[in-house]
PDB file of all heavy atoms in Angstrom:
ATOM      1  N   ILE A   1      -7.773 -19.544 -33.732  1.00  0.00           N
ATOM      2  CA  ILE A   1      -7.250 -18.239 -33.165  1.00  0.00           C
ATOM      3  C   ILE A   1      -7.795 -18.065 -31.680  1.00  0.00           C
ATOM      4  O   ILE A   1      -6.976 -17.817 -30.856  1.00  0.00           O
ATOM      5  CB  ILE A   1      -7.798 -17.092 -34.004  1.00  0.00           C
ATOM      6  CG1 ILE A   1      -7.225 -17.179 -35.409  1.00  0.00           C
ATOM      7  CG2 ILE A   1      -7.457 -15.760 -33.380  1.00  0.00           C
ATOM      8  CD1 ILE A   1      -5.585 -17.288 -35.382  1.00  0.00           C
ATOM      9  N   ASN A   2      -9.002 -18.540 -31.434  1.00  0.00           N
ATOM     10  CA  ASN A   2      -9.533 -18.550 -29.961  1.00  0.00           C
ATOM     11  C   ASN A   2      -8.698 -19.433 -29.189  1.00  0.00           C
ATOM     12  O   ASN A   2      -8.441 -19.174 -27.900  1.00  0.00           O
ATOM     13  CB  ASN A   2     -10.981 -18.822 -29.935  1.00  0.00           C
ATOM     14  CG  ASN A   2     -11.786 -17.668 -30.450  1.00  0.00           C
ATOM     15  OD1 ASN A   2     -11.487 -16.535 -30.465  1.00  0.00           O
ATOM     16  ND2 ASN A   2     -13.068 -17.916 -30.948  1.00  0.00           N
ATOM     17  N   GLU A   3      -8.383 -20.617 -29.732  1.00  0.00           N
ATOM     18  CA  GLU A   3      -7.524 -21.572 -28.881  1.00  0.00           C
ATOM     19  C   GLU A   3      -6.189 -20.880 -28.568  1.00  0.00           C
ATOM     20  O   GLU A   3      -5.699 -21.178 -27.415  1.00  0.00           O
ATOM     21  CB  GLU A   3      -7.265 -22.808 -29.729  1.00  0.00           C
ATOM     22  CG  GLU A   3      -8.561 -23.800 -29.761  1.00  0.00           C
ATOM     23  CD  GLU A   3      -8.810 -24.446 -28.453  1.00  0.00           C
ATOM     24  OE1 GLU A   3      -7.995 -24.764 -27.583  1.00  0.00           O
ATOM     25  OE2 GLU A   3     -10.038 -24.552 -28.114  1.00  0.00           O
ATOM     26  N   ILE A   4      -5.485 -20.190 -29.486  1.00  0.00           N
ATOM     27  CA  ILE A   4      -4.258 -19.525 -29.285  1.00  0.00           C
ATOM     28  C   ILE A   4      -4.467 -18.530 -28.210  1.00  0.00           C
ATOM     29  O   ILE A   4      -3.671 -18.412 -27.320  1.00  0.00           O
ATOM     30  CB  ILE A   4      -3.767 -18.862 -30.559  1.00  0.00           C
ATOM     31  CG1 ILE A   4      -3.370 -20.021 -31.553  1.00  0.00           C
ATOM     32  CG2 ILE A   4      -2.537 -18.046 -30.328  1.00  0.00           C
ATOM     33  CD1 ILE A   4      -3.026 -19.588 -32.958  1.00  0.00           C
ATOM     34  N   LYS A   5      -5.500 -17.679 -28.242  1.00  0.00           N
ATOM     35  CA  LYS A   5      -5.741 -16.699 -27.269  1.00  0.00           C
ATOM     36  C   LYS A   5      -5.986 -17.414 -25.829  1.00  0.00           C
ATOM     37  O   LYS A   5      -5.459 -16.914 -24.842  1.00  0.00           O
ATOM     38  CB  LYS A   5      -7.021 -15.966 -27.636  1.00  0.00           C
ATOM     39  CG  LYS A   5      -6.883 -15.016 -28.770  1.00  0.00           C
ATOM     40  CD  LYS A   5      -8.206 -14.327 -29.028  1.00  0.00           C
ATOM     41  CE  LYS A   5      -8.096 -13.398 -30.281  1.00  0.00           C
ATOM     42  NZ  LYS A   5      -9.427 -12.692 -30.683  1.00  0.00           N
ATOM     43  N   GLU A   6      -6.633 -18.550 -25.815  1.00  0.00           N
ATOM     44  CA  GLU A   6      -6.950 -19.225 -24.660  1.00  0.00           C
ATOM     45  C   GLU A   6      -5.604 -19.651 -24.018  1.00  0.00           C
ATOM     46  O   GLU A   6      -5.477 -19.533 -22.841  1.00  0.00           O
ATOM     47  CB  GLU A   6      -7.915 -20.377 -24.801  1.00  0.00           C
ATOM     48  CG  GLU A   6      -8.352 -21.007 -23.546  1.00  0.00           C
ATOM     49  CD  GLU A   6      -9.390 -22.110 -23.734  1.00  0.00           C
ATOM     50  OE1 GLU A   6     -10.217 -21.946 -24.669  1.00  0.00           O
ATOM     51  OE2 GLU A   6      -9.434 -22.967 -22.965  1.00  0.00           O
ATOM     52  N   VAL A   7      -4.821 -20.251 -24.840  1.00  0.00           N
ATOM     53  CA  VAL A   7      -3.432 -20.747 -24.214  1.00  0.00           C
ATOM     54  C   VAL A   7      -2.690 -19.628 -23.654  1.00  0.00           C
ATOM     55  O   VAL A   7      -2.155 -19.720 -22.589  1.00  0.00           O
ATOM     56  CB  VAL A   7      -2.659 -21.363 -25.544  1.00  0.00           C
ATOM     57  CG1 VAL A   7      -1.266 -21.591 -25.071  1.00  0.00           C
ATOM     58  CG2 VAL A   7      -3.248 -22.703 -25.829  1.00  0.00           C
ATOM     59  N   TYR A   8      -2.523 -18.455 -24.361  1.00  0.00           N
ATOM     60  CA  TYR A   8      -1.895 -17.247 -23.863  1.00  0.00           C
ATOM     61  C   TYR A   8      -2.597 -16.782 -22.598  1.00  0.00           C
ATOM     62  O   TYR A   8      -1.818 -16.354 -21.665  1.00  0.00           O
ATOM     63  CB  TYR A   8      -1.743 -16.191 -24.880  1.00  0.00           C
ATOM     64  CG  TYR A   8      -0.525 -16.319 -25.717  1.00  0.00           C
ATOM     65  CD1 TYR A   8      -0.597 -17.012 -26.840  1.00  0.00           C
ATOM     66  CD2 TYR A   8       0.720 -15.860 -25.373  1.00  0.00           C
ATOM     67  CE1 TYR A   8       0.603 -17.235 -27.661  1.00  0.00           C
ATOM     68  CE2 TYR A   8       1.816 -15.963 -26.056  1.00  0.00           C
ATOM     69  CZ  TYR A   8       1.742 -16.680 -27.323  1.00  0.00           C
ATOM     70  OH  TYR A   8       2.917 -16.874 -27.971  1.00  0.00           O
ATOM     71  N   ALA A   9      -3.877 -16.838 -22.520  1.00  0.00           N
ATOM     72  CA  ALA A   9      -4.602 -16.305 -21.406  1.00  0.00           C
ATOM     73  C   ALA A   9      -4.281 -17.156 -20.108  1.00  0.00           C
ATOM     74  O   ALA A   9      -3.968 -16.742 -19.038  1.00  0.00           O
ATOM     75  CB  ALA A   9      -6.049 -16.154 -21.566  1.00  0.00           C
ATOM     76  N   LYS A  10      -4.355 -18.466 -20.385  1.00  0.00           N
ATOM     77  CA  LYS A  10      -4.016 -19.504 -19.225  1.00  0.00           C
ATOM     78  C   LYS A  10      -2.547 -19.236 -18.840  1.00  0.00           C
ATOM     79  O   LYS A  10      -2.211 -19.449 -17.668  1.00  0.00           O
ATOM     80  CB  LYS A  10      -4.369 -20.897 -19.693  1.00  0.00           C
ATOM     81  CG  LYS A  10      -5.834 -21.203 -19.901  1.00  0.00           C
ATOM     82  CD  LYS A  10      -6.057 -22.555 -20.261  1.00  0.00           C
ATOM     83  CE  LYS A  10      -7.646 -22.936 -20.370  1.00  0.00           C
ATOM     84  NZ  LYS A  10      -7.873 -24.162 -20.813  1.00  0.00           N
ATOM     85  N   ALA A  11      -1.717 -19.206 -19.776  1.00  0.00           N
ATOM     86  CA  ALA A  11      -0.246 -19.097 -19.481  1.00  0.00           C
ATOM     87  C   ALA A  11       0.026 -17.763 -18.653  1.00  0.00           C
ATOM     88  O   ALA A  11       0.817 -17.808 -17.608  1.00  0.00           O
ATOM     89  CB  ALA A  11       0.593 -19.081 -20.752  1.00  0.00           C
ATOM     90  N   LYS A  12      -0.644 -16.669 -19.056  1.00  0.00           N
ATOM     91  CA  LYS A  12      -0.600 -15.453 -18.342  1.00  0.00           C
ATOM     92  C   LYS A  12      -1.163 -15.632 -16.813  1.00  0.00           C
ATOM     93  O   LYS A  12      -0.468 -15.173 -15.948  1.00  0.00           O
ATOM     94  CB  LYS A  12      -1.315 -14.330 -18.986  1.00  0.00           C
ATOM     95  CG  LYS A  12      -0.531 -13.891 -20.160  1.00  0.00           C
ATOM     96  CD  LYS A  12      -1.438 -12.707 -21.014  1.00  0.00           C
ATOM     97  CE  LYS A  12      -0.835 -12.413 -22.242  1.00  0.00           C
ATOM     98  NZ  LYS A  12      -1.599 -11.427 -22.962  1.00  0.00           N
ATOM     99  N   ALA A  13      -2.145 -16.341 -16.710  1.00  0.00           N
ATOM    100  CA  ALA A  13      -2.833 -16.537 -15.434  1.00  0.00           C
ATOM    101  C   ALA A  13      -1.864 -17.403 -14.488  1.00  0.00           C
ATOM    102  O   ALA A  13      -1.676 -17.122 -13.376  1.00  0.00           O
ATOM    103  CB  ALA A  13      -4.227 -17.129 -15.570  1.00  0.00           C
ATOM    104  N   PHE A  14      -1.354 -18.410 -15.147  1.00  0.00           N
ATOM    105  CA  PHE A  14      -0.472 -19.349 -14.442  1.00  0.00           C
ATOM    106  C   PHE A  14       0.749 -18.530 -13.853  1.00  0.00           C
ATOM    107  O   PHE A  14       1.221 -18.737 -12.806  1.00  0.00           O
ATOM    108  CB  PHE A  14       0.004 -20.550 -15.312  1.00  0.00           C
ATOM    109  CG  PHE A  14       0.946 -21.347 -14.723  1.00  0.00           C
ATOM    110  CD1 PHE A  14       0.560 -22.371 -13.743  1.00  0.00           C
ATOM    111  CD2 PHE A  14       2.224 -21.357 -14.928  1.00  0.00           C
ATOM    112  CE1 PHE A  14       1.385 -23.164 -13.158  1.00  0.00           C
ATOM    113  CE2 PHE A  14       3.194 -22.132 -14.372  1.00  0.00           C
ATOM    114  CZ  PHE A  14       2.691 -23.128 -13.478  1.00  0.00           C
ATOM    115  N   ASP A  15       1.359 -17.704 -14.771  1.00  0.00           N
ATOM    116  CA  ASP A  15       2.486 -16.925 -14.426  1.00  0.00           C
ATOM    117  C   ASP A  15       2.184 -15.970 -13.215  1.00  0.00           C
ATOM    118  O   ASP A  15       3.013 -15.698 -12.360  1.00  0.00           O
ATOM    119  CB  ASP A  15       3.136 -16.118 -15.554  1.00  0.00           C
ATOM    120  CG  ASP A  15       3.899 -17.180 -16.560  1.00  0.00           C
ATOM    121  OD1 ASP A  15       4.204 -18.276 -16.181  1.00  0.00           O
ATOM    122  OD2 ASP A  15       4.272 -16.774 -17.609  1.00  0.00           O
ATOM    123  N   GLU A  16       0.904 -15.388 -13.258  1.00  0.00           N
ATOM    124  CA  GLU A  16       0.554 -14.503 -12.276  1.00  0.00           C
ATOM    125  C   GLU A  16       0.361 -15.301 -10.881  1.00  0.00           C
ATOM    126  O   GLU A  16       0.869 -14.791  -9.907  1.00  0.00           O
ATOM    127  CB  GLU A  16      -0.713 -13.767 -12.631  1.00  0.00           C
ATOM    128  CG  GLU A  16      -0.609 -12.773 -13.619  1.00  0.00           C
ATOM    129  CD  GLU A  16      -1.900 -12.092 -14.049  1.00  0.00           C
ATOM    130  OE1 GLU A  16      -2.873 -12.258 -13.335  1.00  0.00           O
ATOM    131  OE2 GLU A  16      -1.949 -11.414 -15.102  1.00  0.00           O
ATOM    132  N   ILE A  17      -0.159 -16.469 -10.946  1.00  0.00           N
ATOM    133  CA  ILE A  17      -0.270 -17.271  -9.763  1.00  0.00           C
ATOM    134  C   ILE A  17       1.044 -17.727  -9.199  1.00  0.00           C
ATOM    135  O   ILE A  17       1.264 -17.672  -8.055  1.00  0.00           O
ATOM    136  CB  ILE A  17      -1.265 -18.532 -10.144  1.00  0.00           C
ATOM    137  CG1 ILE A  17      -2.658 -18.159 -10.324  1.00  0.00           C
ATOM    138  CG2 ILE A  17      -1.111 -19.535  -8.981  1.00  0.00           C
ATOM    139  CD1 ILE A  17      -3.533 -19.269 -10.862  1.00  0.00           C
ATOM    140  N   LYS A  18       1.964 -18.132 -10.113  1.00  0.00           N
ATOM    141  CA  LYS A  18       3.323 -18.424  -9.728  1.00  0.00           C
ATOM    142  C   LYS A  18       4.012 -17.308  -9.061  1.00  0.00           C
ATOM    143  O   LYS A  18       4.680 -17.449  -7.977  1.00  0.00           O
ATOM    144  CB  LYS A  18       4.029 -18.897 -11.045  1.00  0.00           C
ATOM    145  CG  LYS A  18       5.404 -19.523 -10.732  1.00  0.00           C
ATOM    146  CD  LYS A  18       6.021 -20.380 -11.868  1.00  0.00           C
ATOM    147  CE  LYS A  18       6.355 -19.283 -13.044  1.00  0.00           C
ATOM    148  NZ  LYS A  18       7.082 -19.942 -14.103  1.00  0.00           N
ATOM    149  N   GLU A  19       3.954 -16.080  -9.710  1.00  0.00           N
ATOM    150  CA  GLU A  19       4.539 -14.939  -8.963  1.00  0.00           C
ATOM    151  C   GLU A  19       3.891 -14.654  -7.614  1.00  0.00           C
ATOM    152  O   GLU A  19       4.569 -14.320  -6.688  1.00  0.00           O
ATOM    153  CB  GLU A  19       4.349 -13.644  -9.917  1.00  0.00           C
ATOM    154  CG  GLU A  19       4.998 -12.433  -9.267  1.00  0.00           C
ATOM    155  CD  GLU A  19       6.469 -12.566  -9.137  1.00  0.00           C
ATOM    156  OE1 GLU A  19       7.150 -13.330  -9.953  1.00  0.00           O
ATOM    157  OE2 GLU A  19       6.997 -11.957  -8.199  1.00  0.00           O
ATOM    158  N   HIS A  20       2.651 -14.715  -7.544  1.00  0.00           N
ATOM    159  CA  HIS A  20       1.903 -14.601  -6.195  1.00  0.00           C
ATOM    160  C   HIS A  20       2.327 -15.611  -5.135  1.00  0.00           C
ATOM    161  O   HIS A  20       2.560 -15.296  -4.047  1.00  0.00           O
ATOM    162  CB  HIS A  20       0.355 -14.626  -6.324  1.00  0.00           C
ATOM    163  CG  HIS A  20      -0.425 -14.340  -5.182  1.00  0.00           C
ATOM    164  ND1 HIS A  20      -0.392 -13.082  -4.559  1.00  0.00           N
ATOM    165  CD2 HIS A  20      -1.242 -15.060  -4.284  1.00  0.00           C
ATOM    166  CE1 HIS A  20      -1.125 -13.011  -3.479  1.00  0.00           C
ATOM    167  NE2 HIS A  20      -1.558 -14.178  -3.396  1.00  0.00           N
ATOM    168  N   MET A  21       2.559 -16.842  -5.648  1.00  0.00           N
ATOM    169  CA  MET A  21       2.964 -17.868  -4.754  1.00  0.00           C
ATOM    170  C   MET A  21       4.442 -17.656  -4.246  1.00  0.00           C
ATOM    171  O   MET A  21       4.645 -17.909  -3.117  1.00  0.00           O
ATOM    172  CB  MET A  21       2.809 -19.280  -5.452  1.00  0.00           C
ATOM    173  CG  MET A  21       1.494 -19.737  -5.650  1.00  0.00           C
ATOM    174  SD  MET A  21       0.559 -19.959  -4.287  1.00  0.00           S
ATOM    175  CE  MET A  21       1.295 -21.188  -3.423  1.00  0.00           C
ATOM    176  N   LYS A  22       5.230 -17.056  -5.049  1.00  0.00           N
ATOM    177  CA  LYS A  22       6.576 -16.792  -4.735  1.00  0.00           C
ATOM    178  C   LYS A  22       6.545 -15.701  -3.771  1.00  0.00           C
ATOM    179  O   LYS A  22       7.303 -15.638  -2.729  1.00  0.00           O
ATOM    180  CB  LYS A  22       7.354 -16.298  -6.033  1.00  0.00           C
ATOM    181  CG  LYS A  22       8.817 -15.952  -5.685  1.00  0.00           C
ATOM    182  CD  LYS A  22       9.548 -15.421  -6.847  1.00  0.00           C
ATOM    183  CE  LYS A  22      10.962 -15.003  -6.727  1.00  0.00           C
ATOM    184  NZ  LYS A  22      11.116 -14.125  -5.646  1.00  0.00           N
ATOM    185  N   GLU A  23       5.703 -14.656  -3.876  1.00  0.00           N
ATOM    186  CA  GLU A  23       5.555 -13.554  -2.890  1.00  0.00           C
ATOM    187  C   GLU A  23       5.082 -14.143  -1.464  1.00  0.00           C
ATOM    188  O   GLU A  23       5.661 -13.743  -0.526  1.00  0.00           O
ATOM    189  CB  GLU A  23       4.611 -12.551  -3.366  1.00  0.00           C
ATOM    190  CG  GLU A  23       5.018 -11.790  -4.662  1.00  0.00           C
ATOM    191  CD  GLU A  23       4.029 -10.834  -5.104  1.00  0.00           C
ATOM    192  OE1 GLU A  23       2.902 -10.792  -4.523  1.00  0.00           O
ATOM    193  OE2 GLU A  23       4.307 -10.303  -6.210  1.00  0.00           O
ATOM    194  N   ILE A  24       4.169 -15.065  -1.525  1.00  0.00           N
ATOM    195  CA  ILE A  24       3.780 -15.752  -0.401  1.00  0.00           C
ATOM    196  C   ILE A  24       4.779 -16.481   0.289  1.00  0.00           C
ATOM    197  O   ILE A  24       5.044 -16.401   1.617  1.00  0.00           O
ATOM    198  CB  ILE A  24       2.464 -16.577  -0.538  1.00  0.00           C
ATOM    199  CG1 ILE A  24       1.265 -15.775  -0.941  1.00  0.00           C
ATOM    200  CG2 ILE A  24       2.177 -17.546   0.647  1.00  0.00           C
ATOM    201  CD1 ILE A  24       0.081 -16.446  -1.485  1.00  0.00           C
ATOM    202  N   ASN A  25       5.598 -17.247  -0.427  1.00  0.00           N
ATOM    203  CA  ASN A  25       6.687 -18.013   0.068  1.00  0.00           C
ATOM    204  C   ASN A  25       7.734 -17.058   0.680  1.00  0.00           C
ATOM    205  O   ASN A  25       8.238 -17.418   1.779  1.00  0.00           O
ATOM    206  CB  ASN A  25       7.324 -18.876  -1.095  1.00  0.00           C
ATOM    207  CG  ASN A  25       8.327 -19.827  -0.590  1.00  0.00           C
ATOM    208  OD1 ASN A  25       8.118 -20.565   0.410  1.00  0.00           O
ATOM    209  ND2 ASN A  25       9.421 -19.910  -1.326  1.00  0.00           N
ATOM    210  N   ASP A  26       8.042 -15.979  -0.088  1.00  0.00           N
ATOM    211  CA  ASP A  26       9.088 -15.067   0.512  1.00  0.00           C
ATOM    212  C   ASP A  26       8.545 -14.471   1.814  1.00  0.00           C
ATOM    213  O   ASP A  26       9.308 -14.366   2.799  1.00  0.00           O
ATOM    214  CB  ASP A  26       9.288 -14.001  -0.434  1.00  0.00           C
ATOM    215  CG  ASP A  26      10.113 -14.557  -1.757  1.00  0.00           C
ATOM    216  OD1 ASP A  26      10.666 -15.525  -1.617  1.00  0.00           O
ATOM    217  OD2 ASP A  26      10.166 -13.654  -2.683  1.00  0.00           O
ATOM    218  N   GLU A  27       7.226 -14.128   1.965  1.00  0.00           N
ATOM    219  CA  GLU A  27       6.670 -13.709   3.070  1.00  0.00           C
ATOM    220  C   GLU A  27       6.710 -14.670   4.311  1.00  0.00           C
ATOM    221  O   GLU A  27       7.020 -14.434   5.426  1.00  0.00           O
ATOM    222  CB  GLU A  27       5.273 -13.217   2.859  1.00  0.00           C
ATOM    223  CG  GLU A  27       4.640 -12.416   4.097  1.00  0.00           C
ATOM    224  CD  GLU A  27       3.126 -12.019   3.866  1.00  0.00           C
ATOM    225  OE1 GLU A  27       2.970 -11.587   2.659  1.00  0.00           O
ATOM    226  OE2 GLU A  27       2.329 -12.071   4.760  1.00  0.00           O
ATOM    227  N   PHE A  28       6.402 -15.932   3.907  1.00  0.00           N
ATOM    228  CA  PHE A  28       6.485 -16.978   4.880  1.00  0.00           C
ATOM    229  C   PHE A  28       7.897 -17.161   5.503  1.00  0.00           C
ATOM    230  O   PHE A  28       8.159 -17.252   6.601  1.00  0.00           O
ATOM    231  CB  PHE A  28       6.017 -18.291   4.268  1.00  0.00           C
ATOM    232  CG  PHE A  28       6.028 -19.525   5.167  1.00  0.00           C
ATOM    233  CD1 PHE A  28       5.136 -19.691   6.161  1.00  0.00           C
ATOM    234  CD2 PHE A  28       7.043 -20.412   4.935  1.00  0.00           C
ATOM    235  CE1 PHE A  28       5.279 -20.681   7.009  1.00  0.00           C
ATOM    236  CE2 PHE A  28       7.075 -21.484   5.781  1.00  0.00           C
ATOM    237  CZ  PHE A  28       6.165 -21.738   6.749  1.00  0.00           C
ATOM    238  N   LYS A  29       8.838 -17.087   4.541  1.00  0.00           N
ATOM    239  CA  LYS A  29      10.264 -17.289   4.966  1.00  0.00           C
ATOM    240  C   LYS A  29      10.698 -16.120   5.854  1.00  0.00           C
ATOM    241  O   LYS A  29      11.311 -16.347   6.883  1.00  0.00           O
ATOM    242  CB  LYS A  29      11.186 -17.392   3.834  1.00  0.00           C
ATOM    243  CG  LYS A  29      11.139 -18.590   3.030  1.00  0.00           C
ATOM    244  CD  LYS A  29      12.091 -18.585   1.831  1.00  0.00           C
ATOM    245  CE  LYS A  29      12.176 -19.884   0.971  1.00  0.00           C
ATOM    246  NZ  LYS A  29      13.017 -19.696  -0.092  1.00  0.00           N
ATOM    247  N   GLY A  30      10.172 -14.939   5.554  1.00  0.00           N
ATOM    248  CA  GLY A  30      10.443 -13.837   6.547  1.00  0.00           C
ATOM    249  C   GLY A  30       9.855 -13.992   7.874  1.00  0.00           C
ATOM    250  O   GLY A  30      10.355 -13.683   8.855  1.00  0.00           O
ATOM    251  N   ASN A  31       8.566 -14.438   7.859  1.00  0.00           N
ATOM    252  CA  ASN A  31       7.906 -14.856   9.205  1.00  0.00           C
ATOM    253  C   ASN A  31       8.536 -15.865   9.929  1.00  0.00           C
ATOM    254  O   ASN A  31       8.801 -15.726  11.115  1.00  0.00           O
ATOM    255  CB  ASN A  31       6.533 -15.123   8.873  1.00  0.00           C
ATOM    256  CG  ASN A  31       5.572 -14.035   8.435  1.00  0.00           C
ATOM    257  OD1 ASN A  31       5.924 -12.938   8.599  1.00  0.00           O
ATOM    258  ND2 ASN A  31       4.529 -14.400   7.863  1.00  0.00           N
ATOM    259  N   ILE A  32       9.090 -16.948   9.246  1.00  0.00           N
ATOM    260  CA  ILE A  32       9.791 -18.027   9.930  1.00  0.00           C
ATOM    261  C   ILE A  32      11.083 -17.455  10.517  1.00  0.00           C
ATOM    262  O   ILE A  32      11.415 -17.702  11.694  1.00  0.00           O
ATOM    263  CB  ILE A  32      10.160 -19.117   8.958  1.00  0.00           C
ATOM    264  CG1 ILE A  32       8.819 -19.879   8.576  1.00  0.00           C
ATOM    265  CG2 ILE A  32      11.222 -20.086   9.540  1.00  0.00           C
ATOM    266  CD1 ILE A  32       8.187 -20.628   9.770  1.00  0.00           C
ATOM    267  N   ASN A  33      11.869 -16.588   9.738  1.00  0.00           N
ATOM    268  CA  ASN A  33      13.062 -16.014  10.145  1.00  0.00           C
ATOM    269  C   ASN A  33      12.770 -15.167  11.504  1.00  0.00           C
ATOM    270  O   ASN A  33      13.624 -15.210  12.435  1.00  0.00           O
ATOM    271  CB  ASN A  33      13.695 -15.157   9.206  1.00  0.00           C
ATOM    272  CG  ASN A  33      14.337 -16.083   8.059  1.00  0.00           C
ATOM    273  OD1 ASN A  33      14.517 -17.196   8.255  1.00  0.00           O
ATOM    274  ND2 ASN A  33      14.577 -15.511   6.879  1.00  0.00           N
ATOM    275  N   GLU A  34      11.668 -14.460  11.454  1.00  0.00           N
ATOM    276  CA  GLU A  34      11.318 -13.608  12.617  1.00  0.00           C
ATOM    277  C   GLU A  34      10.982 -14.424  13.854  1.00  0.00           C
ATOM    278  O   GLU A  34      11.451 -14.058  14.971  1.00  0.00           O
ATOM    279  CB  GLU A  34      10.151 -12.600  12.327  1.00  0.00           C
ATOM    280  CG  GLU A  34       9.666 -11.628  13.280  1.00  0.00           C
ATOM    281  CD  GLU A  34      10.769 -10.720  13.800  1.00  0.00           C
ATOM    282  OE1 GLU A  34      11.742 -10.474  12.942  1.00  0.00           O
ATOM    283  OE2 GLU A  34      10.631 -10.019  14.783  1.00  0.00           O
ATOM    284  N   ILE A  35      10.226 -15.576  13.683  1.00  0.00           N
ATOM    285  CA  ILE A  35       9.969 -16.450  14.708  1.00  0.00           C
ATOM    286  C   ILE A  35      11.226 -17.071  15.318  1.00  0.00           C
ATOM    287  O   ILE A  35      11.302 -17.125  16.536  1.00  0.00           O
ATOM    288  CB  ILE A  35       9.007 -17.493  14.299  1.00  0.00           C
ATOM    289  CG1 ILE A  35       7.602 -16.999  13.986  1.00  0.00           C
ATOM    290  CG2 ILE A  35       8.948 -18.668  15.258  1.00  0.00           C
ATOM    291  CD1 ILE A  35       6.776 -17.937  13.260  1.00  0.00           C
ATOM    292  N   HIS A  36      12.155 -17.466  14.398  1.00  0.00           N
ATOM    293  CA  HIS A  36      13.373 -18.059  14.922  1.00  0.00           C
ATOM    294  C   HIS A  36      14.185 -16.943  15.754  1.00  0.00           C
ATOM    295  O   HIS A  36      14.721 -17.252  16.824  1.00  0.00           O
ATOM    296  CB  HIS A  36      14.266 -18.530  13.759  1.00  0.00           C
ATOM    297  CG  HIS A  36      13.827 -19.752  13.161  1.00  0.00           C
ATOM    298  ND1 HIS A  36      14.201 -20.326  12.074  1.00  0.00           N
ATOM    299  CD2 HIS A  36      12.826 -20.769  13.623  1.00  0.00           C
ATOM    300  CE1 HIS A  36      13.655 -21.417  11.700  1.00  0.00           C
ATOM    301  NE2 HIS A  36      12.758 -21.601  12.696  1.00  0.00           N
ATOM    302  N   ARG A  37      14.207 -15.778  15.203  1.00  0.00           N
ATOM    303  CA  ARG A  37      14.941 -14.589  15.894  1.00  0.00           C
ATOM    304  C   ARG A  37      14.276 -14.451  17.300  1.00  0.00           C
ATOM    305  O   ARG A  37      14.889 -14.366  18.364  1.00  0.00           O
ATOM    306  CB  ARG A  37      14.900 -13.340  15.158  1.00  0.00           C
ATOM    307  CG  ARG A  37      15.642 -12.319  15.730  1.00  0.00           C
ATOM    308  CD  ARG A  37      15.393 -10.889  14.959  1.00  0.00           C
ATOM    309  NE  ARG A  37      14.005 -10.377  15.198  1.00  0.00           N
ATOM    310  CZ  ARG A  37      13.574  -9.837  16.330  1.00  0.00           C
ATOM    311  NH1 ARG A  37      14.417  -9.580  17.388  1.00  0.00           N
ATOM    312  NH2 ARG A  37      12.405  -9.296  16.422  1.00  0.00           N
TER     313      ARG A  37
END
């Protein structure tokens, strides 16, 4: 049961990191577009 909990905890953490990376990427694209402008 603890292994199952750990798998879910790691998956949740990974998804949060992935979402944060997407936000950073979107912000970076916005900055690049502003620089080009």
